[in-house]
Each structure stands twice: as structure tokens, then as C-alpha cells.
Amino acid sequence: MARLTLEERREAAIAAALRVIAADGVEAATTRRIAREAKMGQSSIFYAFSSRDELLAAVVEHGVAQELDSMNGWLGTLADFPVGDATMEDLIRAGLLAFAENAITDPSRQQVLIGLALYARRTPGLEHLAERLYDGYYDIGARVLDEAARISGCVWSRPTADLAPTVIALSDGITLCWFGTGSRERVNAVVESAVTLILGYLE
């Protein structure tokens, strides 16, 4: 590892921290455990980061960027529907099912993000990272609602920026339903309830 650049050491440490968190949670992500996972000495960790908190802050930043990029897939799902060729119900159901499928097929990423968001909220100086994550979620949620309205020709009764937190709360519920039950049947039932609730905001 001595030949690695500073940036390469940082990237290796972040990747190792994410694997440790996915396996055992944020509390298990000590510098010793991360160094062992990255196959580098602890001194290399502290060469790249001044402290564990700085490393975990970089991990949160990395996770937030990845998650927001992934969430943009909601918009990609709606892009498959031609304008005027789908009902709002079809669009909302398709978007939520696509989100659910992502949580089901890649649960470790969702678990890591939940753990990191909670860690950021309770760590002085990192609260803004959790806020950034959810601000990003709300922005994507509003854009999904705007795109669904454009495709279906429907009109929302309230600004989509006001509705987005509810949509994201529902998506969080879908994720936790899968984590808690491991049942696609129950996830699908939650999706259908979410569709019904969201449709209630149409004019």
C-alpha cells in the first residue's frame, strides 16, 4: 500500500469502511477494523485522514453522493412511459415498485445509508450531511411527481415540494418493511397503500 497515492489511500479506506458498516454497522467501523479490511496499516489510515470522524465524514459524503445518484433512477423509470400513455396510478406504482426492487436486490447499500444518516444526525458537526441526504431525496421526489404529472396530464393539489417529504417517508417505510419482514407480498401491499395515499393529492 506504500505506493498508493493519498487519494488512492482515501478511496481504499472509504471502500473498506463501507464494507465494515454493511456487515456490522457504524459502531464496528473502528480505524483498526477498517485498516484490516483495507489491508493497510492504521498509520496509512491516519496519513489519509486526521481522525476516525474525518474518515466517517468522508464515508457519509461518498454514501450520500451514491444514494442520490441511484435515486435518480426513479426518473429513469418514468422515462419509459410516453406522454399521455399512462395514468398517474400506473406511474406512481411503477416508481415505487422500482424503488422497492432496488431495496430488495441491494439491501446492504440501504442499510449502510440508514446507519450513516443516523450517525451523521447524532454526531456534532456532521448533521448537515444527513440534512443534505434528505434534501436530495426531497428534490428527487418532487421531480418524480412533476414528471408523473407531465406524462399523465394530471395536476397535483399542492406544490410537489410540499408533497415530496411524504413520498420519501413512504419510500423509507417500504425499505423498512423489507428489512423487517423479507416479504415481497407485504412490500407490495405497502406499495399499494402508498399509491392510494399519493393519489389522494390529485386535484
N, C-alpha and C. Protein backbone atom coordinates (compact mmCIF):
# COMPACT_ATOMS: atom_id res chain seq x y z
N MET A 1 0.82 -1.21 0.00
CA MET A 1 0.00 0.00 0.00
C MET A 1 0.85 1.26 0.00
N ALA A 2 2.20 1.12 0.26
CA ALA A 2 3.04 2.30 0.36
C ALA A 2 3.10 3.08 -0.95
N ARG A 3 2.87 2.39 -2.07
CA ARG A 3 2.97 3.05 -3.36
C ARG A 3 1.70 3.79 -3.74
N LEU A 4 0.67 3.62 -2.98
CA LEU A 4 -0.58 4.29 -3.30
C LEU A 4 -0.48 5.79 -3.05
N THR A 5 -1.15 6.55 -3.89
CA THR A 5 -1.23 7.98 -3.67
C THR A 5 -2.15 8.27 -2.49
N LEU A 6 -2.13 9.50 -2.02
CA LEU A 6 -3.01 9.89 -0.93
C LEU A 6 -4.47 9.65 -1.31
N GLU A 7 -4.85 10.02 -2.53
CA GLU A 7 -6.24 9.84 -2.97
C GLU A 7 -6.61 8.37 -3.04
N GLU A 8 -5.68 7.54 -3.48
CA GLU A 8 -5.95 6.10 -3.55
C GLU A 8 -6.10 5.50 -2.15
N ARG A 9 -5.31 5.99 -1.21
CA ARG A 9 -5.46 5.52 0.18
C ARG A 9 -6.82 5.93 0.74
N ARG A 10 -7.21 7.16 0.45
CA ARG A 10 -8.51 7.63 0.92
C ARG A 10 -9.63 6.77 0.33
N GLU A 11 -9.56 6.51 -0.96
CA GLU A 11 -10.60 5.70 -1.61
C GLU A 11 -10.63 4.30 -1.05
N ALA A 12 -9.47 3.70 -0.82
CA ALA A 12 -9.42 2.34 -0.27
C ALA A 12 -10.00 2.31 1.15
N ALA A 13 -9.70 3.34 1.94
CA ALA A 13 -10.22 3.39 3.31
C ALA A 13 -11.73 3.57 3.31
N ILE A 14 -12.25 4.43 2.44
CA ILE A 14 -13.69 4.65 2.35
C ILE A 14 -14.40 3.37 1.93
N ALA A 15 -13.86 2.68 0.91
CA ALA A 15 -14.47 1.43 0.44
C ALA A 15 -14.47 0.38 1.54
N ALA A 16 -13.36 0.30 2.28
CA ALA A 16 -13.28 -0.68 3.38
C ALA A 16 -14.26 -0.33 4.48
N ALA A 17 -14.38 0.95 4.81
CA ALA A 17 -15.33 1.37 5.84
C ALA A 17 -16.76 1.02 5.45
N LEU A 18 -17.10 1.21 4.19
CA LEU A 18 -18.44 0.87 3.72
C LEU A 18 -18.71 -0.63 3.87
N ARG A 19 -17.71 -1.45 3.59
CA ARG A 19 -17.90 -2.91 3.73
C ARG A 19 -18.09 -3.29 5.20
N VAL A 20 -17.31 -2.66 6.08
CA VAL A 20 -17.44 -2.96 7.51
C VAL A 20 -18.82 -2.53 8.01
N ILE A 21 -19.25 -1.33 7.62
CA ILE A 21 -20.56 -0.83 8.06
C ILE A 21 -21.68 -1.72 7.54
N ALA A 22 -21.56 -2.16 6.28
CA ALA A 22 -22.58 -3.04 5.70
C ALA A 22 -22.68 -4.35 6.48
N ALA A 23 -21.54 -4.84 6.95
CA ALA A 23 -21.52 -6.12 7.65
C ALA A 23 -21.95 -6.01 9.11
N ASP A 24 -21.47 -4.96 9.80
CA ASP A 24 -21.65 -4.92 11.25
C ASP A 24 -22.09 -3.58 11.82
N GLY A 25 -22.37 -2.58 10.99
CA GLY A 25 -22.85 -1.30 11.49
C GLY A 25 -21.74 -0.28 11.71
N VAL A 26 -22.17 0.97 11.90
CA VAL A 26 -21.21 2.07 12.05
C VAL A 26 -20.34 1.88 13.28
N GLU A 27 -20.90 1.37 14.37
CA GLU A 27 -20.14 1.23 15.60
C GLU A 27 -18.93 0.32 15.42
N ALA A 28 -19.02 -0.65 14.51
CA ALA A 28 -17.92 -1.59 14.28
C ALA A 28 -16.81 -0.99 13.42
N ALA A 29 -17.06 0.18 12.85
CA ALA A 29 -16.10 0.78 11.91
C ALA A 29 -15.01 1.55 12.66
N THR A 30 -14.20 0.82 13.43
CA THR A 30 -13.04 1.41 14.07
C THR A 30 -11.92 1.53 13.05
N THR A 31 -10.94 2.39 13.34
CA THR A 31 -9.83 2.53 12.39
C THR A 31 -9.05 1.22 12.28
N ARG A 32 -8.96 0.47 13.37
CA ARG A 32 -8.25 -0.82 13.33
C ARG A 32 -8.97 -1.79 12.40
N ARG A 33 -10.30 -1.87 12.55
CA ARG A 33 -11.08 -2.79 11.71
C ARG A 33 -11.04 -2.35 10.24
N ILE A 34 -11.15 -1.06 10.00
CA ILE A 34 -11.13 -0.55 8.63
C ILE A 34 -9.76 -0.81 8.00
N ALA A 35 -8.70 -0.57 8.75
CA ALA A 35 -7.35 -0.81 8.23
C ALA A 35 -7.17 -2.28 7.86
N ARG A 36 -7.66 -3.17 8.71
CA ARG A 36 -7.55 -4.60 8.43
C ARG A 36 -8.34 -4.96 7.17
N GLU A 37 -9.54 -4.40 7.04
CA GLU A 37 -10.37 -4.66 5.87
C GLU A 37 -9.72 -4.13 4.60
N ALA A 38 -9.04 -2.98 4.71
CA ALA A 38 -8.39 -2.37 3.55
C ALA A 38 -7.02 -2.95 3.27
N LYS A 39 -6.57 -3.85 4.17
CA LYS A 39 -5.24 -4.46 4.06
C LYS A 39 -4.15 -3.40 4.06
N MET A 40 -4.27 -2.47 5.00
CA MET A 40 -3.26 -1.44 5.19
C MET A 40 -3.06 -1.22 6.68
N GLY A 41 -1.96 -0.60 7.04
CA GLY A 41 -1.71 -0.30 8.44
C GLY A 41 -2.56 0.87 8.92
N GLN A 42 -2.77 0.93 10.23
CA GLN A 42 -3.53 2.06 10.77
C GLN A 42 -2.84 3.38 10.47
N SER A 43 -1.51 3.34 10.39
CA SER A 43 -0.78 4.57 10.08
C SER A 43 -1.17 5.11 8.71
N SER A 44 -1.50 4.21 7.78
CA SER A 44 -1.93 4.65 6.46
C SER A 44 -3.30 5.33 6.52
N ILE A 45 -4.16 4.82 7.42
CA ILE A 45 -5.46 5.45 7.61
C ILE A 45 -5.27 6.88 8.11
N PHE A 46 -4.39 7.04 9.10
CA PHE A 46 -4.20 8.37 9.69
C PHE A 46 -3.34 9.28 8.82
N TYR A 47 -2.68 8.69 7.82
CA TYR A 47 -1.99 9.51 6.81
C TYR A 47 -3.03 10.14 5.88
N ALA A 48 -4.08 9.36 5.60
CA ALA A 48 -5.12 9.84 4.68
C ALA A 48 -6.18 10.68 5.38
N PHE A 49 -6.44 10.39 6.66
CA PHE A 49 -7.47 11.09 7.43
C PHE A 49 -6.91 11.43 8.79
N SER A 50 -7.23 12.61 9.30
CA SER A 50 -6.68 13.04 10.58
C SER A 50 -7.32 12.33 11.76
N SER A 51 -8.52 11.78 11.56
CA SER A 51 -9.23 11.11 12.66
C SER A 51 -10.28 10.17 12.10
N ARG A 52 -10.82 9.33 12.99
CA ARG A 52 -11.92 8.44 12.59
C ARG A 52 -13.12 9.27 12.14
N ASP A 53 -13.41 10.35 12.87
CA ASP A 53 -14.56 11.18 12.49
C ASP A 53 -14.39 11.77 11.09
N GLU A 54 -13.16 12.18 10.75
CA GLU A 54 -12.94 12.71 9.40
C GLU A 54 -13.15 11.62 8.35
N LEU A 55 -12.68 10.42 8.64
CA LEU A 55 -12.89 9.30 7.72
C LEU A 55 -14.38 9.01 7.57
N LEU A 56 -15.12 8.93 8.68
CA LEU A 56 -16.54 8.63 8.60
C LEU A 56 -17.31 9.76 7.93
N ALA A 57 -16.86 10.99 8.09
CA ALA A 57 -17.49 12.10 7.37
C ALA A 57 -17.32 11.91 5.87
N ALA A 58 -16.13 11.47 5.45
CA ALA A 58 -15.89 11.21 4.02
C ALA A 58 -16.74 10.04 3.54
N VAL A 59 -16.93 9.05 4.41
CA VAL A 59 -17.78 7.90 4.07
C VAL A 59 -19.23 8.36 3.87
N VAL A 60 -19.70 9.23 4.77
CA VAL A 60 -21.06 9.75 4.66
C VAL A 60 -21.20 10.53 3.35
N GLU A 61 -20.24 11.40 3.05
CA GLU A 61 -20.28 12.19 1.81
C GLU A 61 -20.36 11.26 0.60
N HIS A 62 -19.53 10.22 0.60
CA HIS A 62 -19.50 9.26 -0.50
C HIS A 62 -20.84 8.54 -0.62
N GLY A 63 -21.37 8.09 0.53
CA GLY A 63 -22.64 7.37 0.51
C GLY A 63 -23.79 8.24 0.05
N VAL A 64 -23.80 9.50 0.49
CA VAL A 64 -24.85 10.43 0.07
C VAL A 64 -24.81 10.62 -1.44
N ALA A 65 -23.62 10.85 -1.99
CA ALA A 65 -23.49 11.06 -3.43
C ALA A 65 -23.97 9.83 -4.21
N GLN A 66 -23.58 8.64 -3.75
CA GLN A 66 -24.00 7.41 -4.43
C GLN A 66 -25.52 7.22 -4.35
N GLU A 67 -26.08 7.47 -3.18
CA GLU A 67 -27.51 7.25 -2.99
C GLU A 67 -28.34 8.21 -3.83
N LEU A 68 -27.94 9.47 -3.88
CA LEU A 68 -28.69 10.44 -4.66
C LEU A 68 -28.60 10.11 -6.15
N ASP A 69 -27.45 9.62 -6.58
CA ASP A 69 -27.31 9.21 -7.97
C ASP A 69 -28.23 8.03 -8.27
N SER A 70 -28.28 7.08 -7.33
CA SER A 70 -29.16 5.92 -7.51
C SER A 70 -30.63 6.33 -7.52
N MET A 71 -31.00 7.27 -6.65
CA MET A 71 -32.40 7.70 -6.56
C MET A 71 -32.88 8.34 -7.86
N ASN A 72 -31.95 8.88 -8.63
CA ASN A 72 -32.34 9.45 -9.92
C ASN A 72 -32.90 8.38 -10.85
N GLY A 73 -32.69 7.12 -10.50
CA GLY A 73 -33.27 6.02 -11.28
C GLY A 73 -34.79 6.07 -11.32
N TRP A 74 -35.41 6.70 -10.29
CA TRP A 74 -36.86 6.87 -10.31
C TRP A 74 -37.29 7.61 -11.57
N LEU A 75 -36.54 8.65 -11.90
CA LEU A 75 -36.88 9.42 -13.10
C LEU A 75 -36.68 8.59 -14.35
N GLY A 76 -35.65 7.75 -14.34
CA GLY A 76 -35.43 6.86 -15.48
C GLY A 76 -36.57 5.89 -15.69
N THR A 77 -37.17 5.43 -14.57
CA THR A 77 -38.31 4.51 -14.67
C THR A 77 -39.48 5.18 -15.39
N LEU A 78 -39.74 6.44 -15.05
CA LEU A 78 -40.86 7.15 -15.67
C LEU A 78 -40.58 7.48 -17.14
N ALA A 79 -39.31 7.57 -17.50
CA ALA A 79 -38.96 7.91 -18.88
C ALA A 79 -39.43 6.84 -19.86
N ASP A 80 -39.72 5.64 -19.37
CA ASP A 80 -40.18 4.56 -20.24
C ASP A 80 -41.63 4.74 -20.68
N PHE A 81 -42.35 5.68 -20.05
CA PHE A 81 -43.77 5.89 -20.36
C PHE A 81 -43.93 7.10 -21.30
N PRO A 82 -44.50 6.90 -22.49
CA PRO A 82 -44.74 8.04 -23.38
C PRO A 82 -45.77 8.99 -22.78
N VAL A 83 -45.66 10.27 -23.11
CA VAL A 83 -46.61 11.27 -22.63
C VAL A 83 -48.02 10.90 -23.07
N GLY A 84 -48.96 10.94 -22.12
CA GLY A 84 -50.35 10.65 -22.42
C GLY A 84 -50.69 9.18 -22.52
N ASP A 85 -49.69 8.31 -22.25
CA ASP A 85 -49.92 6.88 -22.45
C ASP A 85 -49.95 6.10 -21.13
N ALA A 86 -50.07 6.82 -20.01
CA ALA A 86 -50.12 6.14 -18.71
C ALA A 86 -50.92 6.98 -17.73
N THR A 87 -51.61 6.30 -16.83
CA THR A 87 -52.34 7.01 -15.78
C THR A 87 -51.38 7.37 -14.65
N MET A 88 -51.78 8.31 -13.83
CA MET A 88 -50.96 8.65 -12.67
C MET A 88 -50.78 7.43 -11.77
N GLU A 89 -51.82 6.62 -11.63
CA GLU A 89 -51.72 5.41 -10.82
C GLU A 89 -50.63 4.50 -11.35
N ASP A 90 -50.62 4.29 -12.68
CA ASP A 90 -49.58 3.44 -13.28
C ASP A 90 -48.18 3.98 -12.96
N LEU A 91 -48.02 5.29 -13.10
CA LEU A 91 -46.71 5.92 -12.93
C LEU A 91 -46.21 5.84 -11.50
N ILE A 92 -47.10 6.16 -10.55
CA ILE A 92 -46.69 6.13 -9.15
C ILE A 92 -46.38 4.69 -8.72
N ARG A 93 -47.20 3.75 -9.15
CA ARG A 93 -46.95 2.34 -8.81
C ARG A 93 -45.61 1.89 -9.40
N ALA A 94 -45.36 2.22 -10.66
CA ALA A 94 -44.11 1.81 -11.30
C ALA A 94 -42.91 2.40 -10.58
N GLY A 95 -42.99 3.67 -10.20
CA GLY A 95 -41.88 4.30 -9.49
C GLY A 95 -41.61 3.67 -8.15
N LEU A 96 -42.67 3.41 -7.38
CA LEU A 96 -42.49 2.83 -6.05
C LEU A 96 -42.02 1.37 -6.13
N LEU A 97 -42.51 0.64 -7.11
CA LEU A 97 -42.06 -0.75 -7.28
C LEU A 97 -40.59 -0.79 -7.69
N ALA A 98 -40.16 0.18 -8.52
CA ALA A 98 -38.75 0.24 -8.91
C ALA A 98 -37.88 0.54 -7.69
N PHE A 99 -38.36 1.44 -6.85
CA PHE A 99 -37.63 1.75 -5.62
C PHE A 99 -37.56 0.51 -4.72
N ALA A 100 -38.70 -0.18 -4.57
CA ALA A 100 -38.75 -1.37 -3.72
C ALA A 100 -37.79 -2.44 -4.23
N GLU A 101 -37.75 -2.61 -5.54
CA GLU A 101 -36.87 -3.62 -6.12
C GLU A 101 -35.41 -3.31 -5.83
N ASN A 102 -35.08 -2.03 -5.85
CA ASN A 102 -33.71 -1.63 -5.53
C ASN A 102 -33.36 -1.98 -4.09
N ALA A 103 -34.29 -1.72 -3.18
CA ALA A 103 -34.05 -2.04 -1.76
C ALA A 103 -33.93 -3.55 -1.55
N ILE A 104 -34.72 -4.31 -2.32
CA ILE A 104 -34.72 -5.77 -2.17
C ILE A 104 -33.44 -6.38 -2.73
N THR A 105 -33.01 -5.90 -3.89
CA THR A 105 -31.86 -6.51 -4.55
C THR A 105 -30.52 -6.01 -4.01
N ASP A 106 -30.52 -4.84 -3.38
CA ASP A 106 -29.26 -4.29 -2.84
C ASP A 106 -29.49 -3.78 -1.41
N PRO A 107 -29.89 -4.66 -0.50
CA PRO A 107 -30.24 -4.22 0.85
C PRO A 107 -29.06 -3.66 1.63
N SER A 108 -27.85 -4.15 1.37
CA SER A 108 -26.71 -3.69 2.16
C SER A 108 -26.47 -2.20 1.95
N ARG A 109 -26.67 -1.72 0.72
CA ARG A 109 -26.45 -0.29 0.45
C ARG A 109 -27.46 0.54 1.23
N GLN A 110 -28.71 0.09 1.27
CA GLN A 110 -29.73 0.81 2.02
C GLN A 110 -29.43 0.79 3.52
N GLN A 111 -28.98 -0.35 4.02
CA GLN A 111 -28.64 -0.45 5.44
C GLN A 111 -27.50 0.49 5.80
N VAL A 112 -26.50 0.56 4.93
CA VAL A 112 -25.37 1.46 5.16
C VAL A 112 -25.85 2.90 5.20
N LEU A 113 -26.72 3.29 4.25
CA LEU A 113 -27.18 4.68 4.19
C LEU A 113 -27.99 5.05 5.43
N ILE A 114 -28.84 4.13 5.88
CA ILE A 114 -29.62 4.39 7.09
C ILE A 114 -28.69 4.58 8.29
N GLY A 115 -27.71 3.67 8.41
CA GLY A 115 -26.76 3.77 9.51
C GLY A 115 -25.95 5.06 9.46
N LEU A 116 -25.52 5.44 8.27
CA LEU A 116 -24.74 6.66 8.12
C LEU A 116 -25.57 7.91 8.41
N ALA A 117 -26.82 7.91 7.95
CA ALA A 117 -27.69 9.07 8.21
C ALA A 117 -27.91 9.25 9.71
N LEU A 118 -28.15 8.15 10.41
CA LEU A 118 -28.35 8.22 11.86
C LEU A 118 -27.07 8.67 12.56
N TYR A 119 -25.94 8.14 12.10
CA TYR A 119 -24.65 8.53 12.68
C TYR A 119 -24.42 10.03 12.48
N ALA A 120 -24.69 10.52 11.28
CA ALA A 120 -24.48 11.94 10.99
C ALA A 120 -25.38 12.81 11.85
N ARG A 121 -26.63 12.39 12.05
CA ARG A 121 -27.57 13.19 12.84
C ARG A 121 -27.12 13.33 14.29
N ARG A 122 -26.47 12.31 14.83
CA ARG A 122 -26.11 12.37 16.25
C ARG A 122 -24.66 12.77 16.49
N THR A 123 -23.94 13.10 15.42
CA THR A 123 -22.53 13.49 15.55
C THR A 123 -22.38 14.99 15.32
N PRO A 124 -22.01 15.74 16.36
CA PRO A 124 -21.85 17.19 16.18
C PRO A 124 -20.90 17.52 15.03
N GLY A 125 -21.35 18.42 14.18
CA GLY A 125 -20.56 18.83 13.03
C GLY A 125 -20.89 18.09 11.76
N LEU A 126 -21.60 16.95 11.87
CA LEU A 126 -21.96 16.17 10.68
C LEU A 126 -23.45 16.22 10.37
N GLU A 127 -24.21 16.93 11.19
CA GLU A 127 -25.67 16.95 10.99
C GLU A 127 -26.04 17.40 9.58
N HIS A 128 -25.25 18.31 9.02
CA HIS A 128 -25.57 18.85 7.69
C HIS A 128 -25.53 17.77 6.62
N LEU A 129 -24.77 16.68 6.85
CA LEU A 129 -24.69 15.63 5.84
C LEU A 129 -26.00 14.84 5.77
N ALA A 130 -26.61 14.59 6.94
CA ALA A 130 -27.91 13.93 6.96
C ALA A 130 -28.96 14.83 6.32
N GLU A 131 -28.87 16.12 6.61
CA GLU A 131 -29.80 17.08 6.01
C GLU A 131 -29.62 17.12 4.49
N ARG A 132 -28.38 17.07 4.06
CA ARG A 132 -28.11 17.08 2.62
C ARG A 132 -28.72 15.85 1.94
N LEU A 133 -28.59 14.69 2.60
CA LEU A 133 -29.15 13.47 2.05
C LEU A 133 -30.66 13.62 1.85
N TYR A 134 -31.35 14.07 2.89
CA TYR A 134 -32.81 14.16 2.79
C TYR A 134 -33.26 15.33 1.92
N ASP A 135 -32.50 16.41 1.89
CA ASP A 135 -32.82 17.48 0.94
C ASP A 135 -32.72 16.95 -0.49
N GLY A 136 -31.71 16.11 -0.73
CA GLY A 136 -31.57 15.50 -2.05
C GLY A 136 -32.72 14.56 -2.36
N TYR A 137 -33.13 13.76 -1.37
CA TYR A 137 -34.28 12.88 -1.54
C TYR A 137 -35.52 13.70 -1.91
N TYR A 138 -35.74 14.79 -1.16
CA TYR A 138 -36.95 15.59 -1.40
C TYR A 138 -36.92 16.21 -2.79
N ASP A 139 -35.76 16.64 -3.22
CA ASP A 139 -35.65 17.21 -4.56
C ASP A 139 -36.00 16.17 -5.62
N ILE A 140 -35.47 14.96 -5.46
CA ILE A 140 -35.76 13.90 -6.43
C ILE A 140 -37.23 13.51 -6.36
N GLY A 141 -37.78 13.42 -5.15
CA GLY A 141 -39.20 13.10 -5.01
C GLY A 141 -40.09 14.11 -5.71
N ALA A 142 -39.77 15.40 -5.57
CA ALA A 142 -40.55 16.44 -6.24
C ALA A 142 -40.44 16.33 -7.75
N ARG A 143 -39.23 16.02 -8.23
CA ARG A 143 -39.04 15.89 -9.68
C ARG A 143 -39.79 14.69 -10.23
N VAL A 144 -39.84 13.60 -9.44
CA VAL A 144 -40.63 12.43 -9.86
C VAL A 144 -42.11 12.79 -9.98
N LEU A 145 -42.63 13.51 -8.99
CA LEU A 145 -44.04 13.92 -9.03
C LEU A 145 -44.31 14.87 -10.19
N ASP A 146 -43.38 15.78 -10.46
CA ASP A 146 -43.53 16.70 -11.60
C ASP A 146 -43.56 15.93 -12.91
N GLU A 147 -42.66 14.95 -13.04
CA GLU A 147 -42.59 14.18 -14.28
C GLU A 147 -43.83 13.32 -14.45
N ALA A 148 -44.33 12.75 -13.37
CA ALA A 148 -45.55 11.94 -13.45
C ALA A 148 -46.73 12.80 -13.88
N ALA A 149 -46.80 14.04 -13.38
CA ALA A 149 -47.87 14.95 -13.78
C ALA A 149 -47.76 15.31 -15.26
N ARG A 150 -46.53 15.53 -15.72
CA ARG A 150 -46.32 15.89 -17.13
C ARG A 150 -46.75 14.75 -18.05
N ILE A 151 -46.39 13.52 -17.68
CA ILE A 151 -46.69 12.36 -18.54
C ILE A 151 -48.18 12.05 -18.53
N SER A 152 -48.81 12.12 -17.35
CA SER A 152 -50.21 11.72 -17.22
C SER A 152 -51.19 12.84 -17.56
N GLY A 153 -50.72 14.08 -17.49
CA GLY A 153 -51.62 15.22 -17.70
C GLY A 153 -52.42 15.58 -16.46
N CYS A 154 -52.11 14.97 -15.33
CA CYS A 154 -52.81 15.26 -14.08
C CYS A 154 -52.20 16.48 -13.39
N VAL A 155 -52.93 17.00 -12.40
CA VAL A 155 -52.47 18.17 -11.65
C VAL A 155 -52.52 17.85 -10.16
N TRP A 156 -51.42 18.18 -9.46
CA TRP A 156 -51.38 17.97 -8.01
C TRP A 156 -52.10 19.10 -7.30
N SER A 157 -52.72 18.78 -6.17
CA SER A 157 -53.47 19.79 -5.42
C SER A 157 -52.57 20.67 -4.57
N ARG A 158 -51.32 20.26 -4.40
CA ARG A 158 -50.36 21.03 -3.61
C ARG A 158 -49.03 21.05 -4.35
N PRO A 159 -48.16 22.01 -4.06
CA PRO A 159 -46.84 22.03 -4.70
C PRO A 159 -46.09 20.72 -4.45
N THR A 160 -45.40 20.24 -5.46
CA THR A 160 -44.70 18.96 -5.30
C THR A 160 -43.60 19.04 -4.24
N ALA A 161 -43.05 20.22 -4.01
CA ALA A 161 -42.04 20.36 -2.95
C ALA A 161 -42.65 20.07 -1.58
N ASP A 162 -43.96 20.36 -1.43
CA ASP A 162 -44.65 20.06 -0.17
C ASP A 162 -45.00 18.58 -0.05
N LEU A 163 -45.24 17.94 -1.18
CA LEU A 163 -45.63 16.53 -1.19
C LEU A 163 -44.44 15.59 -1.09
N ALA A 164 -43.27 16.05 -1.54
CA ALA A 164 -42.11 15.18 -1.62
C ALA A 164 -41.74 14.53 -0.29
N PRO A 165 -41.75 15.24 0.86
CA PRO A 165 -41.41 14.57 2.11
C PRO A 165 -42.31 13.38 2.44
N THR A 166 -43.59 13.49 2.07
CA THR A 166 -44.50 12.36 2.30
C THR A 166 -44.11 11.18 1.43
N VAL A 167 -43.78 11.45 0.17
CA VAL A 167 -43.37 10.37 -0.75
C VAL A 167 -42.11 9.69 -0.23
N ILE A 168 -41.16 10.48 0.24
CA ILE A 168 -39.91 9.89 0.75
C ILE A 168 -40.16 9.11 2.04
N ALA A 169 -41.06 9.62 2.90
CA ALA A 169 -41.41 8.87 4.11
C ALA A 169 -42.02 7.51 3.74
N LEU A 170 -42.82 7.50 2.69
CA LEU A 170 -43.40 6.23 2.23
C LEU A 170 -42.33 5.30 1.67
N SER A 171 -41.37 5.85 0.94
CA SER A 171 -40.30 5.01 0.40
C SER A 171 -39.43 4.45 1.54
N ASP A 172 -39.19 5.27 2.57
CA ASP A 172 -38.47 4.76 3.75
C ASP A 172 -39.24 3.62 4.39
N GLY A 173 -40.57 3.76 4.46
CA GLY A 173 -41.40 2.71 5.02
C GLY A 173 -41.32 1.42 4.23
N ILE A 174 -41.26 1.55 2.91
CA ILE A 174 -41.12 0.36 2.05
C ILE A 174 -39.81 -0.35 2.35
N THR A 175 -38.73 0.43 2.48
CA THR A 175 -37.42 -0.15 2.79
C THR A 175 -37.46 -0.88 4.13
N LEU A 176 -38.01 -0.23 5.16
CA LEU A 176 -38.04 -0.84 6.49
C LEU A 176 -38.96 -2.06 6.53
N CYS A 177 -40.01 -2.04 5.71
CA CYS A 177 -40.89 -3.21 5.63
C CYS A 177 -40.10 -4.41 5.11
N TRP A 178 -39.28 -4.19 4.08
CA TRP A 178 -38.49 -5.29 3.55
C TRP A 178 -37.46 -5.78 4.57
N PHE A 179 -36.78 -4.83 5.24
CA PHE A 179 -35.79 -5.22 6.24
C PHE A 179 -36.44 -6.00 7.38
N GLY A 180 -37.65 -5.58 7.77
CA GLY A 180 -38.30 -6.20 8.91
C GLY A 180 -38.97 -7.53 8.61
N THR A 181 -39.44 -7.71 7.39
CA THR A 181 -40.23 -8.91 7.07
C THR A 181 -39.60 -9.81 6.01
N GLY A 182 -38.83 -9.23 5.10
CA GLY A 182 -38.28 -10.02 4.00
C GLY A 182 -39.38 -10.58 3.10
N SER A 183 -40.55 -9.96 3.14
CA SER A 183 -41.70 -10.46 2.39
C SER A 183 -42.05 -9.52 1.24
N ARG A 184 -41.93 -10.01 0.01
CA ARG A 184 -42.34 -9.22 -1.14
C ARG A 184 -43.84 -8.94 -1.11
N GLU A 185 -44.61 -9.90 -0.61
CA GLU A 185 -46.05 -9.72 -0.53
C GLU A 185 -46.40 -8.52 0.35
N ARG A 186 -45.75 -8.41 1.48
CA ARG A 186 -46.03 -7.29 2.37
C ARG A 186 -45.50 -5.98 1.79
N VAL A 187 -44.35 -6.04 1.13
CA VAL A 187 -43.83 -4.84 0.47
C VAL A 187 -44.81 -4.38 -0.59
N ASN A 188 -45.33 -5.29 -1.38
CA ASN A 188 -46.29 -4.92 -2.43
C ASN A 188 -47.56 -4.32 -1.82
N ALA A 189 -47.97 -4.83 -0.67
CA ALA A 189 -49.16 -4.28 0.00
C ALA A 189 -48.90 -2.85 0.46
N VAL A 190 -47.69 -2.60 0.98
CA VAL A 190 -47.34 -1.24 1.39
C VAL A 190 -47.30 -0.32 0.17
N VAL A 191 -46.75 -0.81 -0.94
CA VAL A 191 -46.71 -0.02 -2.17
C VAL A 191 -48.13 0.37 -2.59
N GLU A 192 -49.06 -0.59 -2.56
CA GLU A 192 -50.43 -0.28 -2.97
C GLU A 192 -51.07 0.76 -2.05
N SER A 193 -50.80 0.65 -0.75
CA SER A 193 -51.33 1.65 0.18
C SER A 193 -50.72 3.03 -0.11
N ALA A 194 -49.42 3.03 -0.43
CA ALA A 194 -48.74 4.29 -0.74
C ALA A 194 -49.32 4.92 -2.01
N VAL A 195 -49.60 4.10 -3.01
CA VAL A 195 -50.20 4.60 -4.25
C VAL A 195 -51.53 5.29 -3.94
N THR A 196 -52.35 4.63 -3.15
CA THR A 196 -53.66 5.18 -2.79
C THR A 196 -53.51 6.51 -2.08
N LEU A 197 -52.58 6.59 -1.14
CA LEU A 197 -52.37 7.81 -0.38
C LEU A 197 -51.91 8.95 -1.30
N ILE A 198 -50.94 8.67 -2.16
CA ILE A 198 -50.40 9.71 -3.04
C ILE A 198 -51.45 10.21 -4.03
N LEU A 199 -52.27 9.30 -4.55
CA LEU A 199 -53.31 9.70 -5.50
C LEU A 199 -54.33 10.64 -4.85
N GLY A 200 -54.43 10.59 -3.54
CA GLY A 200 -55.34 11.47 -2.82
C GLY A 200 -54.95 12.93 -2.90
N TYR A 201 -53.76 13.20 -3.39
CA TYR A 201 -53.30 14.59 -3.52
C TYR A 201 -53.52 15.15 -4.93
N LEU A 202 -54.22 14.40 -5.78
CA LEU A 202 -54.56 14.93 -7.11
C LEU A 202 -55.76 15.87 -7.02
N GLU A 203 -55.78 16.85 -7.89
CA GLU A 203 -56.94 17.74 -7.95
C GLU A 203 -58.12 16.99 -8.57
